[in-house]
Amino acid sequence: MTLSYRSVSGLEGLFRRLACAALVLVCLSVGSEAASAQDPPPPSRPGAGFELEPNYPNPFNPETTIPFSLSDELFAGGSPVVVTVRIFNLLSQLVAHPVALAHPAGAVEVRSLEYTQPGRHEAFWDGTDQSGRQVASGIYLLQLTVNGQSGTRKMIVQK
């Protein structure tokens, strides 16, 4: 058996990438519909004590601000709230942890970061991965985890 190599034209390569991205989105959509039929509502909905608001701008290039709210009920016991913000690509690979804005600890990654006050807070992502390289255009998933409960939103990097 002989293997041969055939070069792929620019248009054919683009079509293949688009078809692959569409397949990934369909798989994610089917998986989320199946999960939503069995699972309770996501904890980012009202009543969970936090809300992951839409990032702005969206689409963005190269940076975005990520607002989220922590309700009074999360602080009722007097303990701080532990917050993590993570950004994933469509392959569920961790891309980055945004940096907290106006946090008492300073400009630190929002990775198991303690918040002691309710209200609206913000994180900032400069559009780079963990190695400091600019990410490619595409869809990314933004996940907010508060005391072990998570909510997710889509973000678009457009160059």
C-alpha atoms as a PDB file:
ATOM      1  CA  MET A   1       0.000   0.000   0.000  1.00  0.00           C
ATOM      2  CA  THR A   2       1.324   3.400  -0.976  1.00  0.00           C
ATOM      3  CA  LEU A   3       0.414   6.568   0.834  1.00  0.00           C
ATOM      4  CA  SER A   4       0.368   9.785  -1.113  1.00  0.00           C
ATOM      5  CA  TYR A   5       0.175  13.393  -0.062  1.00  0.00           C
ATOM      6  CA  ARG A   6      -2.128  15.907  -1.708  1.00  0.00           C
ATOM      7  CA  SER A   7      -1.852  19.579  -0.848  1.00  0.00           C
ATOM      8  CA  VAL A   8      -4.993  21.348   0.269  1.00  0.00           C
ATOM      9  CA  SER A   9      -5.912  24.656  -1.377  1.00  0.00           C
ATOM     10  CA  GLY A  10      -6.679  27.685   0.770  1.00  0.00           C
ATOM     11  CA  LEU A  11     -10.413  27.500   0.076  1.00  0.00           C
ATOM     12  CA  GLU A  12     -10.596  23.757   0.709  1.00  0.00           C
ATOM     13  CA  GLY A  13      -8.643  24.162   3.964  1.00  0.00           C
ATOM     14  CA  LEU A  14     -10.999  26.911   5.084  1.00  0.00           C
ATOM     15  CA  PHE A  15     -14.006  24.740   4.248  1.00  0.00           C
ATOM     16  CA  ARG A  16     -12.569  21.841   6.247  1.00  0.00           C
ATOM     17  CA  ARG A  17     -11.945  24.075   9.281  1.00  0.00           C
ATOM     18  CA  LEU A  18     -15.456  25.517   9.092  1.00  0.00           C
ATOM     19  CA  ALA A  19     -16.987  22.045   8.778  1.00  0.00           C
ATOM     20  CA  CYS A  20     -14.990  20.860  11.791  1.00  0.00           C
ATOM     21  CA  ALA A  21     -16.050  23.903  13.851  1.00  0.00           C
ATOM     22  CA  ALA A  22     -19.702  23.335  12.875  1.00  0.00           C
ATOM     23  CA  LEU A  23     -19.445  19.695  13.946  1.00  0.00           C
ATOM     24  CA  VAL A  24     -18.007  20.714  17.325  1.00  0.00           C
ATOM     25  CA  LEU A  25     -20.825  23.233  17.843  1.00  0.00           C
ATOM     26  CA  VAL A  26     -23.467  20.640  16.954  1.00  0.00           C
ATOM     27  CA  CYS A  27     -21.932  18.162  19.396  1.00  0.00           C
ATOM     28  CA  LEU A  28     -21.824  20.791  22.141  1.00  0.00           C
ATOM     29  CA  SER A  29     -25.426  21.784  21.436  1.00  0.00           C
ATOM     30  CA  VAL A  30     -26.699  18.208  21.509  1.00  0.00           C
ATOM     31  CA  GLY A  31     -24.754  17.499  24.700  1.00  0.00           C
ATOM     32  CA  SER A  32     -26.086  20.600  26.435  1.00  0.00           C
ATOM     33  CA  GLU A  33     -29.680  19.823  25.395  1.00  0.00           C
ATOM     34  CA  ALA A  34     -29.363  16.283  26.740  1.00  0.00           C
ATOM     35  CA  ALA A  35     -27.856  17.554  29.971  1.00  0.00           C
ATOM     36  CA  SER A  36     -30.498  20.254  30.392  1.00  0.00           C
ATOM     37  CA  ALA A  37     -33.278  17.693  30.066  1.00  0.00           C
ATOM     38  CA  GLN A  38     -31.857  15.749  33.036  1.00  0.00           C
ATOM     39  CA  ASP A  39     -30.134  18.334  35.222  1.00  0.00           C
ATOM     40  CA  PRO A  40     -31.531  21.163  37.320  1.00  0.00           C
ATOM     41  CA  PRO A  41     -31.167  24.722  35.956  1.00  0.00           C
ATOM     42  CA  PRO A  42     -27.570  26.016  35.817  1.00  0.00           C
ATOM     43  CA  PRO A  43     -26.494  27.717  39.054  1.00  0.00           C
ATOM     44  CA  SER A  44     -25.840  31.029  37.296  1.00  0.00           C
ATOM     45  CA  ARG A  45     -29.599  31.591  37.104  1.00  0.00           C
ATOM     46  CA  PRO A  46     -31.395  33.676  39.720  1.00  0.00           C
ATOM     47  CA  GLY A  47     -31.393  32.039  43.127  1.00  0.00           C
ATOM     48  CA  ALA A  48     -27.834  30.710  42.913  1.00  0.00           C
ATOM     49  CA  GLY A  49     -26.429  33.796  44.599  1.00  0.00           C
ATOM     50  CA  PHE A  50     -24.278  34.893  41.664  1.00  0.00           C
ATOM     51  CA  GLU A  51     -24.622  35.983  38.071  1.00  0.00           C
ATOM     52  CA  LEU A  52     -22.120  35.809  35.225  1.00  0.00           C
ATOM     53  CA  GLU A  53     -22.946  38.846  33.118  1.00  0.00           C
ATOM     54  CA  PRO A  54     -22.049  39.179  29.405  1.00  0.00           C
ATOM     55  CA  ASN A  55     -18.460  40.188  28.777  1.00  0.00           C
ATOM     56  CA  TYR A  56     -17.899  43.438  26.921  1.00  0.00           C
ATOM     57  CA  PRO A  57     -17.106  44.065  24.225  1.00  0.00           C
ATOM     58  CA  ASN A  58     -18.200  40.799  22.600  1.00  0.00           C
ATOM     59  CA  PRO A  59     -16.934  40.065  19.973  1.00  0.00           C
ATOM     60  CA  PHE A  60     -13.613  41.528  21.022  1.00  0.00           C
ATOM     61  CA  ASN A  61     -10.018  41.987  19.907  1.00  0.00           C
ATOM     62  CA  PRO A  62      -7.768  41.718  21.812  1.00  0.00           C
ATOM     63  CA  GLU A  63      -9.203  42.267  25.307  1.00  0.00           C
ATOM     64  CA  THR A  64     -12.474  42.068  27.225  1.00  0.00           C
ATOM     65  CA  THR A  65     -13.966  42.818  30.628  1.00  0.00           C
ATOM     66  CA  ILE A  66     -15.919  40.132  32.470  1.00  0.00           C
ATOM     67  CA  PRO A  67     -18.513  41.380  34.969  1.00  0.00           C
ATOM     68  CA  PHE A  68     -20.118  39.164  37.595  1.00  0.00           C
ATOM     69  CA  SER A  69     -22.311  39.767  40.621  1.00  0.00           C
ATOM     70  CA  LEU A  70     -22.191  38.173  44.061  1.00  0.00           C
ATOM     71  CA  SER A  71     -25.378  38.475  46.130  1.00  0.00           C
ATOM     72  CA  ASP A  72     -25.716  39.232  49.839  1.00  0.00           C
ATOM     73  CA  GLU A  73     -26.993  35.706  50.511  1.00  0.00           C
ATOM     74  CA  LEU A  74     -23.558  34.236  49.656  1.00  0.00           C
ATOM     75  CA  PHE A  75     -22.042  36.173  52.570  1.00  0.00           C
ATOM     76  CA  ALA A  76     -24.793  35.424  55.119  1.00  0.00           C
ATOM     77  CA  GLY A  77     -22.545  33.071  57.136  1.00  0.00           C
ATOM     78  CA  GLY A  78     -19.783  35.658  57.382  1.00  0.00           C
ATOM     79  CA  SER A  79     -17.285  33.606  55.349  1.00  0.00           C
ATOM     80  CA  PRO A  80     -15.590  34.896  52.198  1.00  0.00           C
ATOM     81  CA  VAL A  81     -16.753  33.595  48.820  1.00  0.00           C
ATOM     82  CA  VAL A  82     -14.252  31.662  46.679  1.00  0.00           C
ATOM     83  CA  VAL A  83     -14.361  32.631  42.991  1.00  0.00           C
ATOM     84  CA  THR A  84     -12.598  31.184  39.949  1.00  0.00           C
ATOM     85  CA  VAL A  85     -12.894  32.447  36.377  1.00  0.00           C
ATOM     86  CA  ARG A  86     -11.555  30.239  33.592  1.00  0.00           C
ATOM     87  CA  ILE A  87     -11.513  30.487  29.820  1.00  0.00           C
ATOM     88  CA  PHE A  88     -11.652  27.339  27.693  1.00  0.00           C
ATOM     89  CA  ASN A  89     -11.446  26.696  23.968  1.00  0.00           C
ATOM     90  CA  LEU A  90     -14.076  24.563  22.205  1.00  0.00           C
ATOM     91  CA  LEU A  91     -12.011  21.451  22.907  1.00  0.00           C
ATOM     92  CA  SER A  92     -12.507  22.109  26.644  1.00  0.00           C
ATOM     93  CA  GLN A  93      -8.810  22.937  27.053  1.00  0.00           C
ATOM     94  CA  LEU A  94      -7.982  25.570  29.657  1.00  0.00           C
ATOM     95  CA  VAL A  95      -6.737  28.699  27.897  1.00  0.00           C
ATOM     96  CA  ALA A  96      -6.412  31.310  30.658  1.00  0.00           C
ATOM     97  CA  HIS A  97      -7.465  32.724  34.027  1.00  0.00           C
ATOM     98  CA  PRO A  98      -8.496  36.395  33.784  1.00  0.00           C
ATOM     99  CA  VAL A  99      -7.158  38.974  36.228  1.00  0.00           C
ATOM    100  CA  ALA A 100      -9.311  40.558  38.949  1.00  0.00           C
ATOM    101  CA  LEU A 101     -10.024  44.270  38.643  1.00  0.00           C
ATOM    102  CA  ALA A 102     -10.290  46.428  41.787  1.00  0.00           C
ATOM    103  CA  HIS A 103      -9.690  43.486  44.141  1.00  0.00           C
ATOM    104  CA  PRO A 104      -8.013  44.149  47.537  1.00  0.00           C
ATOM    105  CA  ALA A 105      -5.288  41.628  46.608  1.00  0.00           C
ATOM    106  CA  GLY A 106      -4.462  43.657  43.481  1.00  0.00           C
ATOM    107  CA  ALA A 107      -4.250  42.482  39.883  1.00  0.00           C
ATOM    108  CA  VAL A 108      -4.178  38.733  40.529  1.00  0.00           C
ATOM    109  CA  GLU A 109      -5.658  35.844  38.584  1.00  0.00           C
ATOM    110  CA  VAL A 110      -9.215  34.956  39.556  1.00  0.00           C
ATOM    111  CA  ARG A 111      -8.205  31.455  40.624  1.00  0.00           C
ATOM    112  CA  SER A 112      -9.696  30.403  43.980  1.00  0.00           C
ATOM    113  CA  LEU A 113      -9.753  34.085  44.861  1.00  0.00           C
ATOM    114  CA  GLU A 114     -11.621  35.130  48.004  1.00  0.00           C
ATOM    115  CA  TYR A 115     -14.146  37.946  47.848  1.00  0.00           C
ATOM    116  CA  THR A 116     -15.397  39.446  51.112  1.00  0.00           C
ATOM    117  CA  GLN A 117     -18.034  41.857  49.776  1.00  0.00           C
ATOM    118  CA  PRO A 118     -21.207  41.310  47.744  1.00  0.00           C
ATOM    119  CA  GLY A 119     -21.892  43.381  44.635  1.00  0.00           C
ATOM    120  CA  ARG A 120     -20.711  43.700  41.073  1.00  0.00           C
ATOM    121  CA  HIS A 121     -17.113  42.713  40.383  1.00  0.00           C
ATOM    122  CA  GLU A 122     -15.022  42.532  37.217  1.00  0.00           C
ATOM    123  CA  ALA A 123     -12.223  40.498  35.724  1.00  0.00           C
ATOM    124  CA  PHE A 124     -10.077  41.354  32.701  1.00  0.00           C
ATOM    125  CA  TRP A 125      -8.705  39.116  29.944  1.00  0.00           C
ATOM    126  CA  ASP A 126      -6.082  40.398  27.530  1.00  0.00           C
ATOM    127  CA  GLY A 127      -6.755  37.680  24.927  1.00  0.00           C
ATOM    128  CA  THR A 128      -3.595  35.694  25.644  1.00  0.00           C
ATOM    129  CA  ASP A 129      -3.182  32.070  26.661  1.00  0.00           C
ATOM    130  CA  GLN A 130      -1.267  30.781  29.681  1.00  0.00           C
ATOM    131  CA  SER A 131       1.999  31.106  27.732  1.00  0.00           C
ATOM    132  CA  GLY A 132       1.363  34.760  26.894  1.00  0.00           C
ATOM    133  CA  ARG A 133       0.536  34.164  23.204  1.00  0.00           C
ATOM    134  CA  GLN A 134      -2.446  35.878  21.567  1.00  0.00           C
ATOM    135  CA  VAL A 135      -5.281  33.395  21.031  1.00  0.00           C
ATOM    136  CA  ALA A 136      -6.758  32.739  17.606  1.00  0.00           C
ATOM    137  CA  SER A 137     -10.088  34.084  16.421  1.00  0.00           C
ATOM    138  CA  GLY A 138     -12.982  31.896  17.474  1.00  0.00           C
ATOM    139  CA  ILE A 139     -15.448  30.979  20.170  1.00  0.00           C
ATOM    140  CA  TYR A 140     -14.267  30.591  23.754  1.00  0.00           C
ATOM    141  CA  LEU A 141     -16.156  29.482  26.839  1.00  0.00           C
ATOM    142  CA  LEU A 142     -16.089  31.642  29.941  1.00  0.00           C
ATOM    143  CA  GLN A 143     -16.741  29.801  33.214  1.00  0.00           C
ATOM    144  CA  LEU A 144     -17.439  31.427  36.579  1.00  0.00           C
ATOM    145  CA  THR A 145     -17.262  29.139  39.618  1.00  0.00           C
ATOM    146  CA  VAL A 146     -18.506  30.470  42.970  1.00  0.00           C
ATOM    147  CA  ASN A 147     -18.182  28.215  46.030  1.00  0.00           C
ATOM    148  CA  GLY A 148     -18.133  25.152  43.757  1.00  0.00           C
ATOM    149  CA  GLN A 149     -21.154  26.115  41.589  1.00  0.00           C
ATOM    150  CA  SER A 150     -20.546  27.140  37.969  1.00  0.00           C
ATOM    151  CA  GLY A 151     -22.091  29.174  35.189  1.00  0.00           C
ATOM    152  CA  THR A 152     -20.828  29.456  31.599  1.00  0.00           C
ATOM    153  CA  ARG A 153     -21.085  31.934  28.705  1.00  0.00           C
ATOM    154  CA  LYS A 154     -19.713  32.088  25.160  1.00  0.00           C
ATOM    155  CA  MET A 155     -17.232  34.767  24.057  1.00  0.00           C
ATOM    156  CA  ILE A 156     -16.013  35.544  20.558  1.00  0.00           C
ATOM    157  CA  VAL A 157     -12.487  36.649  19.668  1.00  0.00           C
ATOM    158  CA  GLN A 158     -12.626  38.333  16.259  1.00  0.00           C
ATOM    159  CA  LYS A 159      -9.471  39.569  14.579  1.00  0.00           C
END
